[in-house]
Amino acid sequence: ENAFTTEDYTAYFQSVSVDHLEEMMKLEADR
């Protein structure tokens, strides 16, 4: 995972196996 900021946006990402997508979505929603 990582994040970056540009002139126009700030983005956060995680790359995981497909079966962990729901957990990533919950973690992002939480923060």
Full PDB file with SEQRES, HELIX, SHEET, SSBOND, CRYST1, ORIGX, SCALE, CONECT and MASTER records, all heavy atoms in Angstrom:
SEQRES   1 A   31  GLU ASN ALA PHE THR THR GLU ASP TYR THR ALA TYR PHE          
SEQRES   2 A   31  GLN SER VAL SER VAL ASP HIS LEU GLU GLU MET MET LYS          
SEQRES   3 A   31  LEU GLU ALA ASP ARG                                          
HELIX    1 AA1 VAL A   18  HIS A   20  5                                   3    
HELIX    2 AA2 LEU A   21  ASP A   30  1                                  10    
SHEET    1 AA1 2 ASN A   2  THR A   5  0                                        
SHEET    2 AA1 2 THR A  10  PHE A  13 -1                                        
CRYST1    1.000    1.000    1.000  90.00  90.00  90.00 P 1           1          
ORIGX1      1.000000  0.000000  0.000000        0.00000                         
ORIGX2      0.000000  1.000000  0.000000        0.00000                         
ORIGX3      0.000000  0.000000  1.000000        0.00000                         
SCALE1      1.000000  0.000000  0.000000        0.00000                         
SCALE2      0.000000  1.000000  0.000000        0.00000                         
SCALE3      0.000000  0.000000  1.000000        0.00000                         
ATOM      1  N   GLU A   1       0.833  -1.199   0.000  1.00  0.00           N  
ATOM      2  CA  GLU A   1       0.000   0.000   0.000  1.00  0.00           C  
ATOM      3  C   GLU A   1       0.863   1.242   0.000  1.00  0.00           C  
ATOM      4  O   GLU A   1       2.047   1.187   0.331  1.00  0.00           O  
ATOM      5  CB  GLU A   1      -0.951   0.002   1.195  1.00  0.00           C  
ATOM      6  CG  GLU A   1      -0.299  -0.391   2.502  1.00  0.00           C  
ATOM      7  CD  GLU A   1       0.071   0.751   3.402  1.00  0.00           C  
ATOM      8  OE1 GLU A   1      -0.545   1.809   3.317  1.00  0.00           O  
ATOM      9  OE2 GLU A   1       1.000   0.586   4.192  1.00  0.00           O  
ATOM     10  N   ASN A   2       0.250   2.327  -0.403  1.00  0.00           N  
ATOM     11  CA  ASN A   2       0.943   3.606  -0.403  1.00  0.00           C  
ATOM     12  C   ASN A   2      -0.076   4.698  -0.666  1.00  0.00           C  
ATOM     13  O   ASN A   2      -1.272   4.431  -0.804  1.00  0.00           O  
ATOM     14  CB  ASN A   2       2.060   3.626  -1.445  1.00  0.00           C  
ATOM     15  CG  ASN A   2       3.224   4.500  -1.016  1.00  0.00           C  
ATOM     16  OD1 ASN A   2       3.061   5.458  -0.255  1.00  0.00           O  
ATOM     17  ND2 ASN A   2       4.408   4.168  -1.488  1.00  0.00           N  
ATOM     18  N   ALA A   3       0.432   5.910  -0.772  1.00  0.00           N  
ATOM     19  CA  ALA A   3      -0.418   7.063  -1.059  1.00  0.00           C  
ATOM     20  C   ALA A   3       0.426   8.101  -1.768  1.00  0.00           C  
ATOM     21  O   ALA A   3       1.662   8.055  -1.718  1.00  0.00           O  
ATOM     22  CB  ALA A   3      -0.985   7.634   0.238  1.00  0.00           C  
ATOM     23  N   PHE A   4      -0.246   9.040  -2.426  1.00  0.00           N  
ATOM     24  CA  PHE A   4       0.474  10.120  -3.086  1.00  0.00           C  
ATOM     25  C   PHE A   4      -0.437  11.331  -3.236  1.00  0.00           C  
ATOM     26  O   PHE A   4      -1.650  11.207  -3.266  1.00  0.00           O  
ATOM     27  CB  PHE A   4       1.022   9.675  -4.452  1.00  0.00           C  
ATOM     28  CG  PHE A   4      -0.003   9.071  -5.378  1.00  0.00           C  
ATOM     29  CD1 PHE A   4      -0.678   9.861  -6.307  1.00  0.00           C  
ATOM     30  CD2 PHE A   4      -0.282   7.717  -5.330  1.00  0.00           C  
ATOM     31  CE1 PHE A   4      -1.607   9.299  -7.171  1.00  0.00           C  
ATOM     32  CE2 PHE A   4      -1.208   7.145  -6.193  1.00  0.00           C  
ATOM     33  CZ  PHE A   4      -1.874   7.947  -7.117  1.00  0.00           C  
ATOM     34  N   THR A   5       0.185  12.478  -3.296  1.00  0.00           N  
ATOM     35  CA  THR A   5      -0.525  13.742  -3.473  1.00  0.00           C  
ATOM     36  C   THR A   5       0.028  14.436  -4.701  1.00  0.00           C  
ATOM     37  O   THR A   5       1.242  14.495  -4.886  1.00  0.00           O  
ATOM     38  CB  THR A   5      -0.337  14.650  -2.236  1.00  0.00           C  
ATOM     39  OG1 THR A   5      -0.836  13.961  -1.085  1.00  0.00           O  
ATOM     40  CG2 THR A   5      -1.068  15.964  -2.381  1.00  0.00           C  
ATOM     41  N   THR A   6      -0.871  14.952  -5.530  1.00  0.00           N  
ATOM     42  CA  THR A   6      -0.473  15.709  -6.713  1.00  0.00           C  
ATOM     43  C   THR A   6      -1.086  17.096  -6.625  1.00  0.00           C  
ATOM     44  O   THR A   6      -1.661  17.464  -5.599  1.00  0.00           O  
ATOM     45  CB  THR A   6      -0.949  15.028  -8.011  1.00  0.00           C  
ATOM     46  OG1 THR A   6      -2.377  15.182  -8.108  1.00  0.00           O  
ATOM     47  CG2 THR A   6      -0.569  13.558  -8.049  1.00  0.00           C  
ATOM     48  N   GLU A   7      -1.013  17.823  -7.700  1.00  0.00           N  
ATOM     49  CA  GLU A   7      -1.642  19.148  -7.752  1.00  0.00           C  
ATOM     50  C   GLU A   7      -3.158  19.052  -7.592  1.00  0.00           C  
ATOM     51  O   GLU A   7      -3.777  19.934  -7.023  1.00  0.00           O  
ATOM     52  CB  GLU A   7      -1.318  19.847  -9.079  1.00  0.00           C  
ATOM     53  CG  GLU A   7       0.133  20.242  -9.229  1.00  0.00           C  
ATOM     54  CD  GLU A   7       0.564  21.285  -8.211  1.00  0.00           C  
ATOM     55  OE1 GLU A   7      -0.135  22.306  -8.049  1.00  0.00           O  
ATOM     56  OE2 GLU A   7       1.596  21.078  -7.558  1.00  0.00           O  
ATOM     57  N   ASP A   8      -3.755  17.980  -8.132  1.00  0.00           N  
ATOM     58  CA  ASP A   8      -5.213  17.912  -8.224  1.00  0.00           C  
ATOM     59  C   ASP A   8      -5.899  16.899  -7.316  1.00  0.00           C  
ATOM     60  O   ASP A   8      -7.102  16.952  -7.149  1.00  0.00           O  
ATOM     61  CB  ASP A   8      -5.610  17.597  -9.667  1.00  0.00           C  
ATOM     62  CG  ASP A   8      -5.131  18.659 -10.629  1.00  0.00           C  
ATOM     63  OD1 ASP A   8      -5.292  19.848 -10.315  1.00  0.00           O  
ATOM     64  OD2 ASP A   8      -4.580  18.297 -11.680  1.00  0.00           O  
ATOM     65  N   TYR A   9      -5.163  15.948  -6.770  1.00  0.00           N  
ATOM     66  CA  TYR A   9      -5.811  14.927  -5.963  1.00  0.00           C  
ATOM     67  C   TYR A   9      -4.826  14.281  -4.992  1.00  0.00           C  
ATOM     68  O   TYR A   9      -3.621  14.399  -5.130  1.00  0.00           O  
ATOM     69  CB  TYR A   9      -6.460  13.846  -6.835  1.00  0.00           C  
ATOM     70  CG  TYR A   9      -5.516  13.234  -7.849  1.00  0.00           C  
ATOM     71  CD1 TYR A   9      -4.655  12.205  -7.496  1.00  0.00           C  
ATOM     72  CD2 TYR A   9      -5.470  13.702  -9.152  1.00  0.00           C  
ATOM     73  CE1 TYR A   9      -3.769  11.659  -8.408  1.00  0.00           C  
ATOM     74  CE2 TYR A   9      -4.594  13.163 -10.078  1.00  0.00           C  
ATOM     75  CZ  TYR A   9      -3.753  12.142  -9.699  1.00  0.00           C  
ATOM     76  OH  TYR A   9      -2.872  11.607 -10.600  1.00  0.00           O  
ATOM     77  N   THR A  10      -5.413  13.591  -4.010  1.00  0.00           N  
ATOM     78  CA  THR A  10      -4.653  12.773  -3.071  1.00  0.00           C  
ATOM     79  C   THR A  10      -5.247  11.373  -3.161  1.00  0.00           C  
ATOM     80  O   THR A  10      -6.469  11.216  -3.117  1.00  0.00           O  
ATOM     81  CB  THR A  10      -4.765  13.323  -1.639  1.00  0.00           C  
ATOM     82  OG1 THR A  10      -4.325  14.676  -1.631  1.00  0.00           O  
ATOM     83  CG2 THR A  10      -3.919  12.515  -0.669  1.00  0.00           C  
ATOM     84  N   ALA A  11      -4.400  10.374  -3.315  1.00  0.00           N  
ATOM     85  CA  ALA A  11      -4.886   9.011  -3.517  1.00  0.00           C  
ATOM     86  C   ALA A  11      -4.200   8.039  -2.569  1.00  0.00           C  
ATOM     87  O   ALA A  11      -3.043   8.213  -2.210  1.00  0.00           O  
ATOM     88  CB  ALA A  11      -4.636   8.585  -4.969  1.00  0.00           C  
ATOM     89  N   TYR A  12      -4.952   7.023  -2.186  1.00  0.00           N  
ATOM     90  CA  TYR A  12      -4.476   5.959  -1.305  1.00  0.00           C  
ATOM     91  C   TYR A  12      -4.786   4.637  -1.999  1.00  0.00           C  
ATOM     92  O   TYR A  12      -5.859   4.486  -2.581  1.00  0.00           O  
ATOM     93  CB  TYR A  12      -5.210   6.003   0.041  1.00  0.00           C  
ATOM     94  CG  TYR A  12      -5.082   7.337   0.723  1.00  0.00           C  
ATOM     95  CD1 TYR A  12      -5.934   8.388   0.407  1.00  0.00           C  
ATOM     96  CD2 TYR A  12      -4.079   7.557   1.655  1.00  0.00           C  
ATOM     97  CE1 TYR A  12      -5.785   9.633   1.010  1.00  0.00           C  
ATOM     98  CE2 TYR A  12      -3.935   8.789   2.262  1.00  0.00           C  
ATOM     99  CZ  TYR A  12      -4.791   9.824   1.932  1.00  0.00           C  
ATOM    100  OH  TYR A  12      -4.645  11.046   2.518  1.00  0.00           O  
ATOM    101  N   PHE A  13      -3.867   3.680  -1.957  1.00  0.00           N  
ATOM    102  CA  PHE A  13      -4.157   2.403  -2.592  1.00  0.00           C  
ATOM    103  C   PHE A  13      -3.552   1.240  -1.824  1.00  0.00           C  
ATOM    104  O   PHE A  13      -2.579   1.393  -1.104  1.00  0.00           O  
ATOM    105  CB  PHE A  13      -3.677   2.384  -4.049  1.00  0.00           C  
ATOM    106  CG  PHE A  13      -2.176   2.383  -4.211  1.00  0.00           C  
ATOM    107  CD1 PHE A  13      -1.470   1.190  -4.260  1.00  0.00           C  
ATOM    108  CD2 PHE A  13      -1.478   3.569  -4.316  1.00  0.00           C  
ATOM    109  CE1 PHE A  13      -0.082   1.193  -4.412  1.00  0.00           C  
ATOM    110  CE2 PHE A  13      -0.094   3.584  -4.471  1.00  0.00           C  
ATOM    111  CZ  PHE A  13       0.597   2.387  -4.519  1.00  0.00           C  
ATOM    112  N   GLN A  14      -4.189   0.083  -2.016  1.00  0.00           N  
ATOM    113  CA  GLN A  14      -3.706  -1.176  -1.472  1.00  0.00           C  
ATOM    114  C   GLN A  14      -3.870  -2.225  -2.574  1.00  0.00           C  
ATOM    115  O   GLN A  14      -4.900  -2.260  -3.244  1.00  0.00           O  
ATOM    116  CB  GLN A  14      -4.513  -1.640  -0.253  1.00  0.00           C  
ATOM    117  CG  GLN A  14      -4.643  -0.635   0.857  1.00  0.00           C  
ATOM    118  CD  GLN A  14      -5.795   0.317   0.646  1.00  0.00           C  
ATOM    119  OE1 GLN A  14      -6.849  -0.056   0.179  1.00  0.00           O  
ATOM    120  NE2 GLN A  14      -5.586   1.574   0.993  1.00  0.00           N  
ATOM    121  N   SER A  15      -2.870  -3.061  -2.754  1.00  0.00           N  
ATOM    122  CA  SER A  15      -2.964  -4.204  -3.663  1.00  0.00           C  
ATOM    123  C   SER A  15      -2.908  -5.461  -2.806  1.00  0.00           C  
ATOM    124  O   SER A  15      -1.943  -5.663  -2.062  1.00  0.00           O  
ATOM    125  CB  SER A  15      -1.817  -4.198  -4.667  1.00  0.00           C  
ATOM    126  OG  SER A  15      -1.938  -3.100  -5.542  1.00  0.00           O  
ATOM    127  N   VAL A  16      -3.963  -6.253  -2.888  1.00  0.00           N  
ATOM    128  CA  VAL A  16      -4.089  -7.470  -2.088  1.00  0.00           C  
ATOM    129  C   VAL A  16      -4.753  -8.552  -2.930  1.00  0.00           C  
ATOM    130  O   VAL A  16      -5.258  -8.281  -4.013  1.00  0.00           O  
ATOM    131  CB  VAL A  16      -4.935  -7.230  -0.810  1.00  0.00           C  
ATOM    132  CG1 VAL A  16      -4.246  -6.271   0.142  1.00  0.00           C  
ATOM    133  CG2 VAL A  16      -6.327  -6.734  -1.164  1.00  0.00           C  
ATOM    134  N   SER A  17      -4.793  -9.770  -2.412  1.00  0.00           N  
ATOM    135  CA  SER A  17      -5.529 -10.817  -3.115  1.00  0.00           C  
ATOM    136  C   SER A  17      -7.016 -10.460  -3.081  1.00  0.00           C  
ATOM    137  O   SER A  17      -7.485  -9.777  -2.164  1.00  0.00           O  
ATOM    138  CB  SER A  17      -5.265 -12.183  -2.501  1.00  0.00           C  
ATOM    139  OG  SER A  17      -5.775 -12.229  -1.191  1.00  0.00           O  
ATOM    140  N   VAL A  18      -7.723 -10.925  -4.079  1.00  0.00           N  
ATOM    141  CA  VAL A  18      -9.130 -10.564  -4.261  1.00  0.00           C  
ATOM    142  C   VAL A  18      -9.964 -10.843  -3.014  1.00  0.00           C  
ATOM    143  O   VAL A  18     -10.862 -10.062  -2.675  1.00  0.00           O  
ATOM    144  CB  VAL A  18      -9.715 -11.302  -5.488  1.00  0.00           C  
ATOM    145  CG1 VAL A  18     -11.203 -11.110  -5.603  1.00  0.00           C  
ATOM    146  CG2 VAL A  18      -9.021 -10.857  -6.756  1.00  0.00           C  
ATOM    147  N   ASP A  19      -9.672 -11.906  -2.312  1.00  0.00           N  
ATOM    148  CA  ASP A  19     -10.477 -12.265  -1.144  1.00  0.00           C  
ATOM    149  C   ASP A  19     -10.330 -11.286   0.022  1.00  0.00           C  
ATOM    150  O   ASP A  19     -11.069 -11.378   0.997  1.00  0.00           O  
ATOM    151  CB  ASP A  19     -10.198 -13.704  -0.696  1.00  0.00           C  
ATOM    152  CG  ASP A  19      -8.732 -13.982  -0.431  1.00  0.00           C  
ATOM    153  OD1 ASP A  19      -7.879 -13.456  -1.152  1.00  0.00           O  
ATOM    154  OD2 ASP A  19      -8.441 -14.757   0.507  1.00  0.00           O  
ATOM    155  N   HIS A  20      -9.420 -10.317  -0.067  1.00  0.00           N  
ATOM    156  CA  HIS A  20      -9.252  -9.328   1.007  1.00  0.00           C  
ATOM    157  C   HIS A  20      -9.791  -7.942   0.633  1.00  0.00           C  
ATOM    158  O   HIS A  20      -9.601  -6.984   1.377  1.00  0.00           O  
ATOM    159  CB  HIS A  20      -7.781  -9.219   1.394  1.00  0.00           C  
ATOM    160  CG  HIS A  20      -7.219 -10.480   1.961  1.00  0.00           C  
ATOM    161  ND1 HIS A  20      -7.749 -11.118   3.065  1.00  0.00           N  
ATOM    162  CD2 HIS A  20      -6.183 -11.249   1.557  1.00  0.00           C  
ATOM    163  CE1 HIS A  20      -7.062 -12.208   3.315  1.00  0.00           C  
ATOM    164  NE2 HIS A  20      -6.105 -12.316   2.412  1.00  0.00           N  
ATOM    165  N   LEU A  21     -10.468  -7.839  -0.502  1.00  0.00           N  
ATOM    166  CA  LEU A  21     -10.998  -6.544  -0.943  1.00  0.00           C  
ATOM    167  C   LEU A  21     -11.958  -5.939   0.075  1.00  0.00           C  
ATOM    168  O   LEU A  21     -11.853  -4.760   0.409  1.00  0.00           O  
ATOM    169  CB  LEU A  21     -11.697  -6.678  -2.302  1.00  0.00           C  
ATOM    170  CG  LEU A  21     -12.407  -5.412  -2.809  1.00  0.00           C  
ATOM    171  CD1 LEU A  21     -11.412  -4.261  -2.968  1.00  0.00           C  
ATOM    172  CD2 LEU A  21     -13.128  -5.695  -4.117  1.00  0.00           C  
ATOM    173  N   GLU A  22     -12.869  -6.726   0.586  1.00  0.00           N  
ATOM    174  CA  GLU A  22     -13.844  -6.205   1.546  1.00  0.00           C  
ATOM    175  C   GLU A  22     -13.152  -5.610   2.776  1.00  0.00           C  
ATOM    176  O   GLU A  22     -13.530  -4.545   3.260  1.00  0.00           O  
ATOM    177  CB  GLU A  22     -14.830  -7.292   1.972  1.00  0.00           C  
ATOM    178  CG  GLU A  22     -15.917  -6.764   2.889  1.00  0.00           C  
ATOM    179  CD  GLU A  22     -16.959  -7.826   3.242  1.00  0.00           C  
ATOM    180  OE1 GLU A  22     -16.936  -8.936   2.681  1.00  0.00           O  
ATOM    181  OE2 GLU A  22     -17.799  -7.516   4.115  1.00  0.00           O  
ATOM    182  N   GLU A  23     -12.111  -6.277   3.250  1.00  0.00           N  
ATOM    183  CA  GLU A  23     -11.382  -5.763   4.416  1.00  0.00           C  
ATOM    184  C   GLU A  23     -10.713  -4.426   4.100  1.00  0.00           C  
ATOM    185  O   GLU A  23     -10.712  -3.510   4.910  1.00  0.00           O  
ATOM    186  CB  GLU A  23     -10.347  -6.783   4.883  1.00  0.00           C  
ATOM    187  CG  GLU A  23      -9.710  -6.396   6.195  1.00  0.00           C  
ATOM    188  CD  GLU A  23      -8.922  -7.532   6.830  1.00  0.00           C  
ATOM    189  OE1 GLU A  23      -8.902  -8.640   6.302  1.00  0.00           O  
ATOM    190  OE2 GLU A  23      -8.314  -7.260   7.888  1.00  0.00           O  
ATOM    191  N   MET A  24     -10.158  -4.288   2.889  1.00  0.00           N  
ATOM    192  CA  MET A  24      -9.525  -3.016   2.487  1.00  0.00           C  
ATOM    193  C   MET A  24     -10.559  -1.903   2.425  1.00  0.00           C  
ATOM    194  O   MET A  24     -10.307  -0.779   2.867  1.00  0.00           O  
ATOM    195  CB  MET A  24      -8.834  -3.142   1.125  1.00  0.00           C  
ATOM    196  CG  MET A  24      -7.617  -4.038   1.099  1.00  0.00           C  
ATOM    197  SD  MET A  24      -6.341  -3.547   2.283  1.00  0.00           S  
ATOM    198  CE  MET A  24      -6.659  -4.658   3.647  1.00  0.00           C  
ATOM    199  N   MET A  25     -11.737  -2.224   1.897  1.00  0.00           N  
ATOM    200  CA  MET A  25     -12.798  -1.224   1.799  1.00  0.00           C  
ATOM    201  C   MET A  25     -13.239  -0.766   3.188  1.00  0.00           C  
ATOM    202  O   MET A  25     -13.456   0.426   3.420  1.00  0.00           O  
ATOM    203  CB  MET A  25     -13.968  -1.766   0.992  1.00  0.00           C  
ATOM    204  CG  MET A  25     -13.604  -2.021  -0.461  1.00  0.00           C  
ATOM    205  SD  MET A  25     -14.920  -2.799  -1.396  1.00  0.00           S  
ATOM    206  CE  MET A  25     -15.793  -1.341  -1.934  1.00  0.00           C  
ATOM    207  N   LYS A  26     -13.338  -1.706   4.111  1.00  0.00           N  
ATOM    208  CA  LYS A  26     -13.727  -1.353   5.488  1.00  0.00           C  
ATOM    209  C   LYS A  26     -12.653  -0.487   6.150  1.00  0.00           C  
ATOM    210  O   LYS A  26     -12.977   0.485   6.840  1.00  0.00           O  
ATOM    211  CB  LYS A  26     -13.975  -2.614   6.311  1.00  0.00           C  
ATOM    212  CG  LYS A  26     -15.256  -3.320   5.951  1.00  0.00           C  
ATOM    213  CD  LYS A  26     -15.434  -4.589   6.771  1.00  0.00           C  
ATOM    214  CE  LYS A  26     -16.721  -5.298   6.396  1.00  0.00           C  
ATOM    215  NZ  LYS A  26     -16.905  -6.564   7.122  1.00  0.00           N  
ATOM    216  N   LEU A  27     -11.380  -0.836   5.937  1.00  0.00           N  
ATOM    217  CA  LEU A  27     -10.291  -0.046   6.528  1.00  0.00           C  
ATOM    218  C   LEU A  27     -10.285   1.382   5.989  1.00  0.00           C  
ATOM    219  O   LEU A  27     -10.107   2.348   6.744  1.00  0.00           O  
ATOM    220  CB  LEU A  27      -8.940  -0.711   6.267  1.00  0.00           C  
ATOM    221  CG  LEU A  27      -8.608  -1.925   7.113  1.00  0.00           C  
ATOM    222  CD1 LEU A  27      -7.383  -2.647   6.571  1.00  0.00           C  
ATOM    223  CD2 LEU A  27      -8.400  -1.529   8.569  1.00  0.00           C  
ATOM    224  N   GLU A  28     -10.454   1.534   4.678  1.00  0.00           N  
ATOM    225  CA  GLU A  28     -10.485   2.884   4.087  1.00  0.00           C  
ATOM    226  C   GLU A  28     -11.689   3.672   4.584  1.00  0.00           C  
ATOM    227  O   GLU A  28     -11.574   4.849   4.902  1.00  0.00           O  
ATOM    228  CB  GLU A  28     -10.499   2.831   2.558  1.00  0.00           C  
ATOM    229  CG  GLU A  28      -9.161   2.663   1.925  1.00  0.00           C  
ATOM    230  CD  GLU A  28      -8.191   3.821   2.128  1.00  0.00           C  
ATOM    231  OE1 GLU A  28      -8.523   4.854   2.741  1.00  0.00           O  
ATOM    232  OE2 GLU A  28      -7.061   3.681   1.654  1.00  0.00           O  
ATOM    233  N   ALA A  29     -12.841   3.019   4.636  1.00  0.00           N  
ATOM    234  CA  ALA A  29     -14.046   3.702   5.129  1.00  0.00           C  
ATOM    235  C   ALA A  29     -13.842   4.159   6.566  1.00  0.00           C  
ATOM    236  O   ALA A  29     -14.249   5.268   6.943  1.00  0.00           O  
ATOM    237  CB  ALA A  29     -15.257   2.775   5.015  1.00  0.00           C  
ATOM    238  N   ASP A  30     -13.195   3.318   7.366  1.00  0.00           N  
ATOM    239  CA  ASP A  30     -12.932   3.656   8.767  1.00  0.00           C  
ATOM    240  C   ASP A  30     -12.061   4.906   8.865  1.00  0.00           C  
ATOM    241  O   ASP A  30     -12.361   5.826   9.618  1.00  0.00           O  
ATOM    242  CB  ASP A  30     -12.268   2.476   9.475  1.00  0.00           C  
ATOM    243  CG  ASP A  30     -11.926   2.785  10.923  1.00  0.00           C  
ATOM    244  OD1 ASP A  30     -12.816   3.251  11.663  1.00  0.00           O  
ATOM    245  OD2 ASP A  30     -10.762   2.581  11.310  1.00  0.00           O  
ATOM    246  N   ARG A  31     -10.990   4.960   8.089  1.00  0.00           N  
ATOM    247  CA  ARG A  31     -10.124   6.140   8.232  1.00  0.00           C  
ATOM    248  C   ARG A  31     -10.699   7.376   7.567  1.00  0.00           C  
ATOM    249  O   ARG A  31     -10.277   8.487   7.849  1.00  0.00           O  
ATOM    250  CB  ARG A  31      -8.691   5.842   7.816  1.00  0.00           C  
ATOM    251  CG  ARG A  31      -8.389   5.706   6.368  1.00  0.00           C  
ATOM    252  CD  ARG A  31      -6.883   5.487   6.220  1.00  0.00           C  
ATOM    253  NE  ARG A  31      -6.491   5.245   4.857  1.00  0.00           N  
ATOM    254  CZ  ARG A  31      -5.247   4.996   4.495  1.00  0.00           C  
ATOM    255  NH1 ARG A  31      -4.291   4.920   5.399  1.00  0.00           N  
ATOM    256  NH2 ARG A  31      -4.958   4.791   3.238  1.00  0.00           N  
TER     257      ARG A  31                                                      
MASTER        0    0    0    2    2    0    0    6  256    1    0    3          
END                                                                             
